[in-house]
């Protein structure tokens, strides 16, 4: 017999999927920007702009992951 997930579990699952998509898309876009920037001969400041955007997205993903973990650990107690 399968158990129906609770609303909190569904929310955690949605957020975890969103975090995974953001992390994967960030890395793909960042690598693409690095390659494209090198081929087009863009200035270094644009490379730093792409780097900072990627860092911001990954920090957001880290914060959301931490929130998911905290909610899950609070629920398990």
PDB file of N, CA and C in Angstrom:
ATOM      1  N   UNK A   1       0.842  -1.172   0.000  1.00  0.00           N
ATOM      2  CA  UNK A   1       0.000   0.000   0.000  1.00  0.00           C
ATOM      3  C   UNK A   1       0.890   1.239   0.000  1.00  0.00           C
ATOM      4  N   UNK A   2       0.618   2.175  -0.877  1.00  0.00           N
ATOM      5  CA  UNK A   2       1.438   3.379  -0.967  1.00  0.00           C
ATOM      6  C   UNK A   2       0.869   4.466  -0.074  1.00  0.00           C
ATOM      7  N   UNK A   3       1.774   5.262   0.447  1.00  0.00           N
ATOM      8  CA  UNK A   3       1.402   6.348   1.345  1.00  0.00           C
ATOM      9  C   UNK A   3       1.315   7.640   0.543  1.00  0.00           C
ATOM     10  N   UNK A   4       0.285   8.420   0.783  1.00  0.00           N
ATOM     11  CA  UNK A   4       0.126   9.712   0.116  1.00  0.00           C
ATOM     12  C   UNK A   4       1.028  10.731   0.795  1.00  0.00           C
ATOM     13  N   UNK A   5       1.836  11.451   0.014  1.00  0.00           N
ATOM     14  CA  UNK A   5       2.720  12.446   0.643  1.00  0.00           C
ATOM     15  C   UNK A   5       1.922  13.596   1.249  1.00  0.00           C
ATOM     16  N   UNK A   6       2.441  14.119   2.341  1.00  0.00           N
ATOM     17  CA  UNK A   6       1.791  15.261   2.993  1.00  0.00           C
ATOM     18  C   UNK A   6       2.054  16.521   2.184  1.00  0.00           C
ATOM     19  N   UNK A   7       1.340  17.579   2.544  1.00  0.00           N
ATOM     20  CA  UNK A   7       1.524  18.873   1.850  1.00  0.00           C
ATOM     21  C   UNK A   7       2.955  19.378   2.029  1.00  0.00           C
ATOM     22  N   UNK A   8       3.517  19.217   3.223  1.00  0.00           N
ATOM     23  CA  UNK A   8       4.900  19.657   3.475  1.00  0.00           C
ATOM     24  C   UNK A   8       5.883  18.875   2.608  1.00  0.00           C
ATOM     25  N   UNK A   9       5.640  17.585   2.432  1.00  0.00           N
ATOM     26  CA  UNK A   9       6.521  16.777   1.590  1.00  0.00           C
ATOM     27  C   UNK A   9       6.417  17.189   0.127  1.00  0.00           C
ATOM     28  N   UNK A  10       5.224  17.540  -0.311  1.00  0.00           N
ATOM     29  CA  UNK A  10       5.056  18.012  -1.698  1.00  0.00           C
ATOM     30  C   UNK A  10       5.769  19.342  -1.911  1.00  0.00           C
ATOM     31  N   UNK A  11       5.671  20.235  -0.927  1.00  0.00           N
ATOM     32  CA  UNK A  11       6.352  21.527  -1.027  1.00  0.00           C
ATOM     33  C   UNK A  11       7.860  21.321  -1.064  1.00  0.00           C
ATOM     34  N   UNK A  12       8.361  20.458  -0.175  1.00  0.00           N
ATOM     35  CA  UNK A  12       9.802  20.171  -0.167  1.00  0.00           C
ATOM     36  C   UNK A  12      10.246  19.566  -1.485  1.00  0.00           C
ATOM     37  N   UNK A  13       9.446  18.683  -2.039  1.00  0.00           N
ATOM     38  CA  UNK A  13       9.786  18.054  -3.311  1.00  0.00           C
ATOM     39  C   UNK A  13       9.833  19.048  -4.448  1.00  0.00           C
ATOM     40  N   UNK A  14       8.844  19.954  -4.491  1.00  0.00           N
ATOM     41  CA  UNK A  14       8.824  20.991  -5.534  1.00  0.00           C
ATOM     42  C   UNK A  14      10.039  21.898  -5.423  1.00  0.00           C
ATOM     43  N   UNK A  15      10.365  22.307  -4.195  1.00  0.00           N
ATOM     44  CA  UNK A  15      11.505  23.193  -4.008  1.00  0.00           C
ATOM     45  C   UNK A  15      12.818  22.479  -4.326  1.00  0.00           C
ATOM     46  N   UNK A  16      12.925  21.210  -3.975  1.00  0.00           N
ATOM     47  CA  UNK A  16      14.136  20.464  -4.281  1.00  0.00           C
ATOM     48  C   UNK A  16      14.322  20.316  -5.787  1.00  0.00           C
ATOM     49  N   UNK A  17      13.230  20.076  -6.520  1.00  0.00           N
ATOM     50  CA  UNK A  17      13.320  20.004  -7.980  1.00  0.00           C
ATOM     51  C   UNK A  17      13.723  21.345  -8.572  1.00  0.00           C
ATOM     52  N   UNK A  18      13.162  22.428  -8.042  1.00  0.00           N
ATOM     53  CA  UNK A  18      13.513  23.755  -8.519  1.00  0.00           C
ATOM     54  C   UNK A  18      14.991  24.046  -8.275  1.00  0.00           C
ATOM     55  N   UNK A  19      15.485  23.688  -7.104  1.00  0.00           N
ATOM     56  CA  UNK A  19      16.905  23.879  -6.795  1.00  0.00           C
ATOM     57  C   UNK A  19      17.771  23.090  -7.775  1.00  0.00           C
ATOM     58  N   UNK A  20      17.398  21.855  -8.055  1.00  0.00           N
ATOM     59  CA  UNK A  20      18.177  21.032  -8.984  1.00  0.00           C
ATOM     60  C   UNK A  20      18.188  21.642 -10.385  1.00  0.00           C
ATOM     61  N   UNK A  21      17.044  22.140 -10.831  1.00  0.00           N
ATOM     62  CA  UNK A  21      16.968  22.757 -12.153  1.00  0.00           C
ATOM     63  C   UNK A  21      17.810  24.029 -12.199  1.00  0.00           C
ATOM     64  N   UNK A  22      17.719  24.849 -11.162  1.00  0.00           N
ATOM     65  CA  UNK A  22      18.494  26.094 -11.120  1.00  0.00           C
ATOM     66  C   UNK A  22      19.991  25.791 -11.122  1.00  0.00           C
ATOM     67  N   UNK A  23      20.413  24.809 -10.345  1.00  0.00           N
ATOM     68  CA  UNK A  23      21.838  24.474 -10.300  1.00  0.00           C
ATOM     69  C   UNK A  23      22.338  23.959 -11.649  1.00  0.00           C
ATOM     70  N   UNK A  24      21.586  23.067 -12.263  1.00  0.00           N
ATOM     71  CA  UNK A  24      22.002  22.515 -13.555  1.00  0.00           C
ATOM     72  C   UNK A  24      22.003  23.597 -14.633  1.00  0.00           C
ATOM     73  N   UNK A  25      20.948  24.397 -14.681  1.00  0.00           N
ATOM     74  CA  UNK A  25      20.875  25.456 -15.693  1.00  0.00           C
ATOM     75  C   UNK A  25      21.967  26.501 -15.479  1.00  0.00           C
ATOM     76  N   UNK A  26      22.238  26.821 -14.222  1.00  0.00           N
ATOM     77  CA  UNK A  26      23.288  27.788 -13.926  1.00  0.00           C
ATOM     78  C   UNK A  26      24.636  27.312 -14.445  1.00  0.00           C
ATOM     79  N   UNK A  27      24.962  26.069 -14.179  1.00  0.00           N
ATOM     80  CA  UNK A  27      26.264  25.570 -14.608  1.00  0.00           C
ATOM     81  C   UNK A  27      26.357  25.498 -16.129  1.00  0.00           C
ATOM     82  N   UNK A  28      25.281  25.068 -16.781  1.00  0.00           N
ATOM     83  CA  UNK A  28      25.298  25.002 -18.242  1.00  0.00           C
ATOM     84  C   UNK A  28      25.412  26.393 -18.865  1.00  0.00           C
ATOM     85  N   UNK A  29      24.630  27.335 -18.358  1.00  0.00           N
ATOM     86  CA  UNK A  29      24.705  28.692 -18.886  1.00  0.00           C
ATOM     87  C   UNK A  29      26.053  29.340 -18.596  1.00  0.00           C
ATOM     88  N   UNK A  30      26.595  29.099 -17.413  1.00  0.00           N
ATOM     89  CA  UNK A  30      27.890  29.674 -17.053  1.00  0.00           C
ATOM     90  C   UNK A  30      28.997  29.120 -17.961  1.00  0.00           C
ATOM     91  N   UNK A  31      28.991  27.806 -18.169  1.00  0.00           N
ATOM     92  CA  UNK A  31      30.006  27.228 -19.053  1.00  0.00           C
ATOM     93  C   UNK A  31      29.835  27.729 -20.486  1.00  0.00           C
ATOM     94  N   UNK A  32      28.596  27.830 -20.941  1.00  0.00           N
ATOM     95  CA  UNK A  32      28.346  28.352 -22.277  1.00  0.00           C
ATOM     96  C   UNK A  32      28.805  29.797 -22.417  1.00  0.00           C
ATOM     97  N   UNK A  33      28.556  30.594 -21.389  1.00  0.00           N
ATOM     98  CA  UNK A  33      28.985  31.992 -21.426  1.00  0.00           C
ATOM     99  C   UNK A  33      30.502  32.103 -21.456  1.00  0.00           C
ATOM    100  N   UNK A  34      31.185  31.235 -20.733  1.00  0.00           N
ATOM    101  CA  UNK A  34      32.654  31.260 -20.738  1.00  0.00           C
ATOM    102  C   UNK A  34      33.204  30.912 -22.115  1.00  0.00           C
ATOM    103  N   UNK A  35      32.646  29.887 -22.737  1.00  0.00           N
ATOM    104  CA  UNK A  35      33.104  29.474 -24.063  1.00  0.00           C
ATOM    105  C   UNK A  35      32.781  30.555 -25.088  1.00  0.00           C
ATOM    106  N   UNK A  36      31.544  31.035 -25.054  1.00  0.00           N
ATOM    107  CA  UNK A  36      31.117  32.055 -26.011  1.00  0.00           C
ATOM    108  C   UNK A  36      31.907  33.346 -25.827  1.00  0.00           C
ATOM    109  N   UNK A  37      32.129  33.729 -24.595  1.00  0.00           N
ATOM    110  CA  UNK A  37      32.905  34.938 -24.321  1.00  0.00           C
ATOM    111  C   UNK A  37      34.332  34.825 -24.839  1.00  0.00           C
ATOM    112  N   UNK A  38      34.922  33.652 -24.699  1.00  0.00           N
ATOM    113  CA  UNK A  38      36.276  33.450 -25.212  1.00  0.00           C
ATOM    114  C   UNK A  38      36.332  33.489 -26.728  1.00  0.00           C
ATOM    115  N   UNK A  39      35.344  32.901 -27.367  1.00  0.00           N
ATOM    116  CA  UNK A  39      35.327  32.892 -28.837  1.00  0.00           C
ATOM    117  C   UNK A  39      35.031  34.263 -29.432  1.00  0.00           C
ATOM    118  N   UNK A  40      34.188  35.024 -28.743  1.00  0.00           N
ATOM    119  CA  UNK A  40      33.850  36.356 -29.248  1.00  0.00           C
ATOM    120  C   UNK A  40      34.853  37.419 -28.821  1.00  0.00           C
ATOM    121  N   UNK A  41      35.743  37.051 -27.933  1.00  0.00           N
ATOM    122  CA  UNK A  41      36.754  37.996 -27.456  1.00  0.00           C
ATOM    123  C   UNK A  41      36.188  39.085 -26.562  1.00  0.00           C
ATOM    124  N   UNK A  42      35.193  38.732 -25.750  1.00  0.00           N
ATOM    125  CA  UNK A  42      34.600  39.708 -24.840  1.00  0.00           C
ATOM    126  C   UNK A  42      35.607  40.117 -23.770  1.00  0.00           C
ATOM    127  N   UNK A  43      35.402  41.292 -23.228  1.00  0.00           N
ATOM    128  CA  UNK A  43      36.287  41.790 -22.179  1.00  0.00           C
ATOM    129  C   UNK A  43      36.133  40.949 -20.904  1.00  0.00           C
ATOM    130  N   UNK A  44      37.141  41.034 -20.059  1.00  0.00           N
ATOM    131  CA  UNK A  44      37.148  40.250 -18.816  1.00  0.00           C
ATOM    132  C   UNK A  44      36.010  40.660 -17.885  1.00  0.00           C
ATOM    133  N   UNK A  45      35.577  41.893 -17.966  1.00  0.00           N
ATOM    134  CA  UNK A  45      34.501  42.326 -17.065  1.00  0.00           C
ATOM    135  C   UNK A  45      33.203  41.565 -17.325  1.00  0.00           C
ATOM    136  N   UNK A  46      32.998  41.128 -18.558  1.00  0.00           N
ATOM    137  CA  UNK A  46      31.812  40.328 -18.848  1.00  0.00           C
ATOM    138  C   UNK A  46      31.938  38.919 -18.266  1.00  0.00           C
ATOM    139  N   UNK A  47      33.148  38.389 -18.274  1.00  0.00           N
ATOM    140  CA  UNK A  47      33.370  37.087 -17.643  1.00  0.00           C
ATOM    141  C   UNK A  47      33.070  37.174 -16.146  1.00  0.00           C
ATOM    142  N   UNK A  48      33.507  38.275 -15.514  1.00  0.00           N
ATOM    143  CA  UNK A  48      33.210  38.460 -14.097  1.00  0.00           C
ATOM    144  C   UNK A  48      31.710  38.620 -13.855  1.00  0.00           C
ATOM    145  N   UNK A  49      31.019  39.279 -14.770  1.00  0.00           N
ATOM    146  CA  UNK A  49      29.580  39.427 -14.648  1.00  0.00           C
ATOM    147  C   UNK A  49      28.888  38.063 -14.673  1.00  0.00           C
ATOM    148  N   UNK A  50      29.308  37.206 -15.608  1.00  0.00           N
ATOM    149  CA  UNK A  50      28.749  35.852 -15.662  1.00  0.00           C
ATOM    150  C   UNK A  50      29.102  35.067 -14.395  1.00  0.00           C
ATOM    151  N   UNK A  51      30.325  35.243 -13.917  1.00  0.00           N
ATOM    152  CA  UNK A  51      30.739  34.550 -12.690  1.00  0.00           C
ATOM    153  C   UNK A  51      29.882  34.969 -11.504  1.00  0.00           C
ATOM    154  N   UNK A  52      29.666  36.269 -11.351  1.00  0.00           N
ATOM    155  CA  UNK A  52      28.878  36.754 -10.218  1.00  0.00           C
ATOM    156  C   UNK A  52      27.419  36.318 -10.313  1.00  0.00           C
ATOM    157  N   UNK A  53      26.876  36.281 -11.521  1.00  0.00           N
ATOM    158  CA  UNK A  53      25.502  35.802 -11.693  1.00  0.00           C
ATOM    159  C   UNK A  53      25.400  34.328 -11.306  1.00  0.00           C
ATOM    160  N   UNK A  54      26.389  33.531 -11.696  1.00  0.00           N
ATOM    161  CA  UNK A  54      26.393  32.111 -11.335  1.00  0.00           C
ATOM    162  C   UNK A  54      26.540  31.933  -9.823  1.00  0.00           C
ATOM    163  N   UNK A  55      27.402  32.722  -9.215  1.00  0.00           N
ATOM    164  CA  UNK A  55      27.583  32.645  -7.763  1.00  0.00           C
ATOM    165  C   UNK A  55      26.277  32.997  -7.048  1.00  0.00           C
ATOM    166  N   UNK A  56      25.599  34.027  -7.517  1.00  0.00           N
ATOM    167  CA  UNK A  56      24.328  34.428  -6.895  1.00  0.00           C
ATOM    168  C   UNK A  56      23.295  33.309  -6.999  1.00  0.00           C
ATOM    169  N   UNK A  57      23.195  32.674  -8.156  1.00  0.00           N
ATOM    170  CA  UNK A  57      22.229  31.583  -8.327  1.00  0.00           C
ATOM    171  C   UNK A  57      22.578  30.403  -7.429  1.00  0.00           C
ATOM    172  N   UNK A  58      23.860  30.093  -7.300  1.00  0.00           N
ATOM    173  CA  UNK A  58      24.263  28.960  -6.467  1.00  0.00           C
ATOM    174  C   UNK A  58      24.086  29.260  -4.979  1.00  0.00           C
ATOM    175  N   UNK A  59      24.295  30.500  -4.580  1.00  0.00           N
ATOM    176  CA  UNK A  59      24.036  30.875  -3.182  1.00  0.00           C
ATOM    177  C   UNK A  59      22.545  30.759  -2.882  1.00  0.00           C
ATOM    178  N   UNK A  60      21.699  31.212  -3.826  1.00  0.00           N
ATOM    179  CA  UNK A  60      20.256  31.059  -3.654  1.00  0.00           C
ATOM    180  C   UNK A  60      19.895  29.574  -3.486  1.00  0.00           C
ATOM    181  N   UNK A  61      20.478  28.724  -4.331  1.00  0.00           N
ATOM    182  CA  UNK A  61      20.196  27.288  -4.251  1.00  0.00           C
ATOM    183  C   UNK A  61      20.649  26.723  -2.904  1.00  0.00           C
ATOM    184  N   UNK A  62      21.776  27.189  -2.403  1.00  0.00           N
ATOM    185  CA  UNK A  62      22.272  26.729  -1.108  1.00  0.00           C
ATOM    186  C   UNK A  62      21.325  27.140   0.014  1.00  0.00           C
ATOM    187  N   UNK A  63      20.836  28.370  -0.025  1.00  0.00           N
ATOM    188  CA  UNK A  63      19.918  28.858   1.012  1.00  0.00           C
ATOM    189  C   UNK A  63      18.611  28.064   0.984  1.00  0.00           C
ATOM    190  N   UNK A  64      18.069  27.833  -0.192  1.00  0.00           N
ATOM    191  CA  UNK A  64      16.811  27.082  -0.292  1.00  0.00           C
ATOM    192  C   UNK A  64      17.012  25.635   0.161  1.00  0.00           C
ATOM    193  N   UNK A  65      18.147  25.037  -0.199  1.00  0.00           N
ATOM    194  CA  UNK A  65      18.449  23.676   0.246  1.00  0.00           C
ATOM    195  C   UNK A  65      18.545  23.615   1.766  1.00  0.00           C
ATOM    196  N   UNK A  66      19.168  24.623   2.367  1.00  0.00           N
ATOM    197  CA  UNK A  66      19.280  24.676   3.822  1.00  0.00           C
ATOM    198  C   UNK A  66      17.887  24.796   4.449  1.00  0.00           C
ATOM    199  N   UNK A  67      17.002  25.606   3.849  1.00  0.00           N
ATOM    200  CA  UNK A  67      15.641  25.738   4.369  1.00  0.00           C
ATOM    201  C   UNK A  67      14.881  24.416   4.282  1.00  0.00           C
ATOM    202  N   UNK A  68      15.048  23.696   3.190  1.00  0.00           N
ATOM    203  CA  UNK A  68      14.407  22.386   3.048  1.00  0.00           C
ATOM    204  C   UNK A  68      14.914  21.443   4.131  1.00  0.00           C
ATOM    205  N   UNK A  69      16.213  21.428   4.330  1.00  0.00           N
ATOM    206  CA  UNK A  69      16.815  20.547   5.337  1.00  0.00           C
ATOM    207  C   UNK A  69      16.302  20.890   6.732  1.00  0.00           C
ATOM    208  N   UNK A  70      16.222  22.191   7.049  1.00  0.00           N
ATOM    209  CA  UNK A  70      15.745  22.605   8.374  1.00  0.00           C
ATOM    210  C   UNK A  70      14.284  22.197   8.592  1.00  0.00           C
ATOM    211  N   UNK A  71      13.443  22.395   7.564  1.00  0.00           N
ATOM    212  CA  UNK A  71      12.042  21.994   7.685  1.00  0.00           C
ATOM    213  C   UNK A  71      11.922  20.488   7.876  1.00  0.00           C
ATOM    214  N   UNK A  72      12.704  19.746   7.139  1.00  0.00           N
ATOM    215  CA  UNK A  72      12.646  18.285   7.226  1.00  0.00           C
ATOM    216  C   UNK A  72      13.122  17.807   8.585  1.00  0.00           C
ATOM    217  N   UNK A  73      14.221  18.394   9.087  1.00  0.00           N
ATOM    218  CA  UNK A  73      14.734  17.941  10.377  1.00  0.00           C
ATOM    219  C   UNK A  73      13.792  18.351  11.511  1.00  0.00           C
ATOM    220  N   UNK A  74      13.133  19.496  11.397  1.00  0.00           N
ATOM    221  CA  UNK A  74      12.165  19.931  12.424  1.00  0.00           C
ATOM    222  C   UNK A  74      10.945  19.009  12.414  1.00  0.00           C
ATOM    223  N   UNK A  75      10.547  18.555  11.240  1.00  0.00           N
ATOM    224  CA  UNK A  75       9.375  17.675  11.128  1.00  0.00           C
ATOM    225  C   UNK A  75       9.683  16.290  11.687  1.00  0.00           C
ATOM    226  N   UNK A  76      10.913  15.845  11.566  1.00  0.00           N
ATOM    227  CA  UNK A  76      11.289  14.496  11.999  1.00  0.00           C
ATOM    228  C   UNK A  76      11.417  14.383  13.516  1.00  0.00           C
ATOM    229  N   UNK A  77      11.528  15.506  14.205  1.00  0.00           N
ATOM    230  CA  UNK A  77      11.714  15.451  15.667  1.00  0.00           C
ATOM    231  C   UNK A  77      10.448  15.115  16.384  1.00  0.00           C
TER     232      UNK A  77
END
